[in-house]
Amino acid sequence: MPDALLARVSAAAEEAAALALGCAGKVKRWEKPGGEPVCQADLDVDRLLRHRLGEIDPQAGWLSEESVDDKSRLAAERVWVVDPIDGTRDYLRGRPGWAVSIALVEDGRPVLGVLAAPARGECWTALSGEGAWRNGEAIRVLPRDVLEGARVPADQLPRRDRDLVPVHKPNSIALRVALVAAGEADLVATMRWGHEWDIAAAVLLAEEAGARVTDALGAPLAFNTESAEAFGLLVSTPGIHGAAVARLAGYTAVAERLAGR
């Protein structure tokens, strides 16, 4: 049954991703309060997925970047957590670093995750306790025990991190995490408040591929929370996670978080 469920969700994700890809370069765009870009394709994909995923599990709650948050989800045993287009900036620029992100969360943890990235020719999938795959092939993090030299998806790194190695950075945070899961990067870290829909599917991918995943302070992540937010994200190969937590703890953003949001 889990494999059949994953196949149905993957089909829905790929249908939604094809819809977005077909609209690329032809959609109306605007900005949300705070300056985040949004476009008509975000809304069209959201509408399609709400229908398709509702057919798959009509009892599951719903949490999506492009839907008004219905707090009834908090009482649901299972919740769909969706980002219709993660990496909208790349999508609008005609770049490939975006993906449709779908997770099924049960009792606060993702149990199924799909990232459909058609402009990259990729579909990433994961099932709790079963593994993670890219285009059907199993993926695994690479071993690394030393933080120095770790590969980080970044356009450029600050001077304080000059011992790390920048690699190609998709705009989608989910795809950056997927690169760690596939052994093409070693570390992804953010130090700001973010939303569950950005990371839920990718977190499961990384964990099933053997990565260590926490918030920026090294604490476990929870999903389907009241705020649907987490402070930062730290995904890495297990051998460098402790050193990465220690480094983040010395940065101003984390110190401010410890003093209160």
Protein backbone atom coordinates (compact mmCIF):
# COMPACT_ATOMS: atom_id res chain seq x y z
CA MET A 1 0.00 0.00 0.00
CA PRO A 2 2.75 2.58 0.77
CA ASP A 3 4.30 2.01 -2.68
CA ALA A 4 0.92 2.44 -4.36
CA LEU A 5 0.33 5.65 -2.39
CA LEU A 6 3.74 6.99 -3.37
CA ALA A 7 3.04 6.22 -7.01
CA ARG A 8 -0.27 8.14 -6.90
CA VAL A 9 1.27 11.14 -5.16
CA SER A 10 4.21 11.13 -7.58
CA ALA A 11 1.79 11.13 -10.50
CA ALA A 12 -0.07 14.11 -9.01
CA ALA A 13 3.22 15.96 -8.43
CA GLU A 14 4.39 15.34 -11.98
CA GLU A 15 1.03 16.46 -13.40
CA ALA A 16 1.25 19.66 -11.36
CA ALA A 17 4.88 20.21 -12.36
CA ALA A 18 3.99 19.77 -16.03
CA LEU A 19 1.26 22.37 -15.64
CA ALA A 20 3.76 24.81 -14.15
CA LEU A 21 6.38 24.07 -16.79
CA GLY A 22 3.86 24.66 -19.55
CA CYS A 23 3.03 28.09 -18.13
CA ALA A 24 6.62 29.20 -17.63
CA GLY A 25 7.26 32.65 -19.05
CA LYS A 26 3.56 33.32 -19.64
CA VAL A 27 2.15 33.92 -16.16
CA LYS A 28 1.08 37.02 -14.32
CA ARG A 29 3.26 37.77 -11.28
CA TRP A 30 3.08 40.05 -8.24
CA GLU A 31 4.57 40.32 -4.78
CA LYS A 32 3.21 39.22 -1.44
CA PRO A 33 3.52 41.44 1.64
CA GLY A 34 7.19 41.24 2.53
CA GLY A 35 8.33 41.15 -1.08
CA GLU A 36 8.13 37.43 -1.84
CA PRO A 37 7.20 36.79 -5.49
CA VAL A 38 4.10 34.83 -6.44
CA CYS A 39 2.54 34.09 -9.81
CA GLN A 40 -0.60 32.63 -11.31
CA ALA A 41 1.11 29.25 -11.76
CA ASP A 42 1.55 29.00 -7.95
CA LEU A 43 -2.21 29.32 -7.55
CA ASP A 44 -3.08 27.02 -10.44
CA VAL A 45 -0.77 24.28 -9.14
CA ASP A 46 -2.13 24.70 -5.63
CA ARG A 47 -5.70 24.27 -6.90
CA LEU A 48 -4.81 21.18 -8.92
CA LEU A 49 -2.96 19.52 -6.07
CA ARG A 50 -5.68 20.22 -3.55
CA HIS A 51 -8.09 18.37 -5.83
CA ARG A 52 -5.76 15.47 -6.69
CA LEU A 53 -4.44 14.90 -3.17
CA GLY A 54 -7.94 15.27 -1.76
CA GLU A 55 -8.98 12.36 -3.98
CA ILE A 56 -6.06 10.28 -2.68
CA ASP A 57 -6.71 10.96 1.03
CA PRO A 58 -9.85 13.02 1.64
CA GLN A 59 -9.46 12.76 5.41
CA ALA A 60 -6.06 14.46 5.48
CA GLY A 61 -5.72 18.10 6.49
CA TRP A 62 -4.18 20.72 4.22
CA LEU A 63 -1.27 23.14 4.66
CA SER A 64 0.02 24.99 1.62
CA GLU A 65 1.94 28.18 0.96
CA GLU A 66 -0.77 29.38 -1.40
CA SER A 67 -3.87 28.53 0.67
CA VAL A 68 -5.38 30.27 3.68
CA ASP A 69 -4.34 28.22 6.71
CA ASP A 70 -7.29 26.26 8.05
CA LYS A 71 -6.36 25.42 11.64
CA SER A 72 -8.64 22.39 11.56
CA ARG A 73 -5.53 20.65 10.22
CA LEU A 74 -4.18 20.60 13.77
CA ALA A 75 -6.76 17.98 14.72
CA ALA A 76 -6.07 15.82 11.66
CA GLU A 77 -4.10 12.59 11.98
CA ARG A 78 -2.55 13.19 8.56
CA VAL A 79 -1.85 16.45 6.74
CA TRP A 80 -0.76 17.26 3.21
CA VAL A 81 2.03 19.86 3.39
CA VAL A 82 2.54 21.46 -0.01
CA ASP A 83 4.61 24.12 -1.71
CA PRO A 84 3.13 24.42 -5.21
CA ILE A 85 6.33 25.96 -6.60
CA ASP A 86 9.31 26.00 -4.28
CA GLY A 87 11.87 28.30 -5.86
CA THR A 88 9.46 30.74 -7.51
CA ARG A 89 12.28 33.19 -8.24
CA ASP A 90 14.08 30.64 -10.42
CA TYR A 91 10.77 29.68 -12.02
CA LEU A 92 10.06 33.29 -12.98
CA ARG A 93 13.60 33.78 -14.29
CA GLY A 94 13.38 30.72 -16.52
CA ARG A 95 15.93 28.81 -14.47
CA PRO A 96 15.59 25.12 -13.51
CA GLY A 97 16.02 25.44 -9.73
CA TRP A 98 12.37 24.99 -8.72
CA ALA A 99 10.19 22.07 -7.73
CA VAL A 100 6.69 21.05 -6.73
CA SER A 101 6.98 19.84 -3.13
CA ILE A 102 4.49 17.47 -1.47
CA ALA A 103 4.74 15.77 1.91
CA LEU A 104 2.27 13.68 3.84
CA VAL A 105 2.73 14.35 7.54
CA GLU A 106 1.45 11.95 10.16
CA ASP A 107 1.64 12.60 13.90
CA GLY A 108 4.03 15.49 13.35
CA ARG A 109 6.49 13.72 11.05
CA PRO A 110 6.68 13.42 7.25
CA VAL A 111 6.05 9.85 6.13
CA LEU A 112 6.00 10.45 2.36
CA GLY A 113 7.74 13.07 0.27
CA VAL A 114 7.88 13.98 -3.41
CA LEU A 115 9.78 16.72 -5.23
CA ALA A 116 8.97 17.07 -8.92
CA ALA A 117 11.54 19.20 -10.74
CA PRO A 118 10.69 18.89 -14.45
CA ALA A 119 13.08 21.58 -15.65
CA ARG A 120 15.88 19.44 -14.18
CA GLY A 121 14.38 16.16 -15.41
CA GLU A 122 14.10 14.92 -11.82
CA CYS A 123 11.53 13.37 -9.54
CA TRP A 124 12.69 12.81 -5.97
CA THR A 125 10.70 10.47 -3.72
CA ALA A 126 10.93 9.12 -0.17
CA LEU A 127 8.97 6.84 2.15
CA SER A 128 9.54 6.70 5.89
CA GLY A 129 11.58 3.62 6.75
CA GLU A 130 11.88 2.60 3.08
CA GLY A 131 14.47 4.93 1.55
CA ALA A 132 14.86 7.83 -0.87
CA TRP A 133 15.18 7.87 -4.64
CA ARG A 134 15.90 10.17 -7.56
CA ASN A 135 14.20 9.04 -10.77
CA GLY A 136 13.75 5.63 -9.19
CA GLU A 137 17.39 5.14 -8.18
CA ALA A 138 18.31 4.96 -4.50
CA ILE A 139 20.30 7.92 -3.14
CA ARG A 140 22.60 8.18 -0.15
CA VAL A 141 24.65 10.89 1.54
CA LEU A 142 28.41 10.68 1.25
CA PRO A 143 30.47 10.22 4.42
CA ARG A 144 32.30 13.28 5.74
CA ASP A 145 33.77 13.76 9.22
CA VAL A 146 35.45 17.17 8.82
CA LEU A 147 33.52 20.41 8.39
CA GLU A 148 36.39 22.09 6.53
CA GLY A 149 35.94 21.52 2.81
CA ALA A 150 32.25 20.66 3.09
CA ARG A 151 30.28 21.45 -0.06
CA VAL A 152 27.45 23.96 0.41
CA PRO A 153 24.90 25.03 -2.23
CA ALA A 154 25.59 28.77 -2.33
CA ASP A 155 26.18 31.56 -4.82
CA GLN A 156 28.98 32.74 -2.54
CA LEU A 157 29.95 32.19 1.06
CA PRO A 158 30.71 34.81 3.73
CA ARG A 159 34.32 35.24 4.79
CA ARG A 160 33.61 33.51 8.08
CA ASP A 161 32.86 30.33 6.09
CA ARG A 162 35.76 30.51 3.66
CA ASP A 163 36.83 26.99 4.67
CA LEU A 164 33.65 25.63 3.01
CA VAL A 165 33.22 24.99 -0.73
CA PRO A 166 30.33 26.58 -2.67
CA VAL A 167 28.53 24.42 -5.24
CA HIS A 168 25.59 25.18 -7.53
CA LYS A 169 22.62 26.60 -5.61
CA PRO A 170 19.05 26.09 -6.84
CA ASN A 171 16.64 28.76 -5.60
CA SER A 172 14.49 25.97 -4.12
CA ILE A 173 15.57 25.16 -0.56
CA ALA A 174 14.02 21.71 -1.03
CA LEU A 175 16.32 21.00 -3.98
CA ARG A 176 19.33 22.20 -2.01
CA VAL A 177 18.49 19.68 0.69
CA ALA A 178 17.99 17.01 -1.97
CA LEU A 179 21.55 17.62 -3.17
CA VAL A 180 22.81 16.62 0.28
CA ALA A 181 20.62 13.52 0.16
CA ALA A 182 22.15 12.58 -3.20
CA GLY A 183 25.74 13.11 -2.06
CA GLU A 184 26.23 16.17 -4.29
CA ALA A 185 26.56 18.53 -1.31
CA ASP A 186 27.44 18.01 2.34
CA LEU A 187 25.66 20.81 4.20
CA VAL A 188 22.66 23.10 3.96
CA ALA A 189 22.00 25.65 6.71
CA THR A 190 19.57 28.53 7.14
CA MET A 191 19.29 30.87 10.11
CA ARG A 192 15.89 32.46 9.76
CA TRP A 193 12.29 31.60 10.42
CA GLY A 194 10.95 29.42 7.62
CA HIS A 195 7.78 27.56 6.80
CA GLU A 196 7.04 23.87 7.02
CA TRP A 197 5.89 23.64 3.40
CA ASP A 198 9.38 24.66 2.20
CA ILE A 199 11.10 21.70 3.82
CA ALA A 200 8.73 18.88 4.79
CA ALA A 201 9.25 16.67 1.74
CA ALA A 202 12.98 17.42 1.52
CA VAL A 203 13.53 16.64 5.22
CA LEU A 204 12.21 13.12 4.69
CA LEU A 205 14.40 12.69 1.59
CA ALA A 206 17.47 13.70 3.56
CA GLU A 207 16.69 11.55 6.58
CA GLU A 208 15.96 8.49 4.46
CA ALA A 209 19.24 9.04 2.60
CA GLY A 210 21.15 9.02 5.90
CA ALA A 211 21.53 12.75 6.59
CA ARG A 212 21.16 14.37 10.00
CA VAL A 213 18.39 17.00 10.09
CA THR A 214 17.59 19.58 12.80
CA ASP A 215 16.66 23.23 13.13
CA ALA A 216 19.46 25.83 13.27
CA LEU A 217 19.91 25.23 16.99
CA GLY A 218 20.31 21.48 16.63
CA ALA A 219 16.80 20.69 17.92
CA PRO A 220 14.44 18.19 16.25
CA LEU A 221 11.92 19.49 13.76
CA ALA A 222 8.17 19.02 14.13
CA PHE A 223 5.48 19.44 11.48
CA ASN A 224 1.83 20.45 11.47
CA THR A 225 2.52 22.88 14.30
CA GLU A 226 0.34 25.85 15.23
CA SER A 227 2.63 28.38 13.53
CA ALA A 228 3.75 26.04 10.71
CA GLU A 229 7.24 27.55 11.15
CA ALA A 230 10.68 26.48 12.31
CA PHE A 231 13.78 28.48 13.19
CA GLY A 232 16.24 27.60 10.50
CA LEU A 233 17.31 24.30 9.04
CA LEU A 234 20.51 22.30 9.29
CA VAL A 235 20.95 19.29 7.02
CA SER A 236 24.31 17.59 6.77
CA THR A 237 26.21 14.37 6.66
CA PRO A 238 26.10 12.94 10.20
CA GLY A 239 29.83 13.29 10.82
CA ILE A 240 29.86 17.10 10.57
CA HIS A 241 26.51 17.93 12.11
CA GLY A 242 27.82 18.64 15.60
CA ALA A 243 30.52 20.95 14.27
CA ALA A 244 27.97 22.75 12.10
CA VAL A 245 25.64 23.29 15.08
CA ALA A 246 28.54 24.70 17.08
CA ARG A 247 29.46 27.09 14.29
CA LEU A 248 25.89 28.32 13.85
CA ALA A 249 25.60 28.90 17.59
CA GLY A 250 28.22 31.61 17.33
CA TYR A 251 26.44 33.61 14.67
CA THR A 252 24.40 36.72 15.41
CA ALA A 253 21.12 35.40 13.99
CA VAL A 254 21.14 32.43 16.33
CA ALA A 255 22.08 34.61 19.31
CA GLU A 256 19.10 36.84 18.52
CA ARG A 257 16.81 33.83 18.34
CA LEU A 258 18.00 32.63 21.73
CA ALA A 259 17.17 36.06 23.14
CA GLY A 260 13.63 35.81 21.74
CA ARG A 261 12.10 36.25 18.30
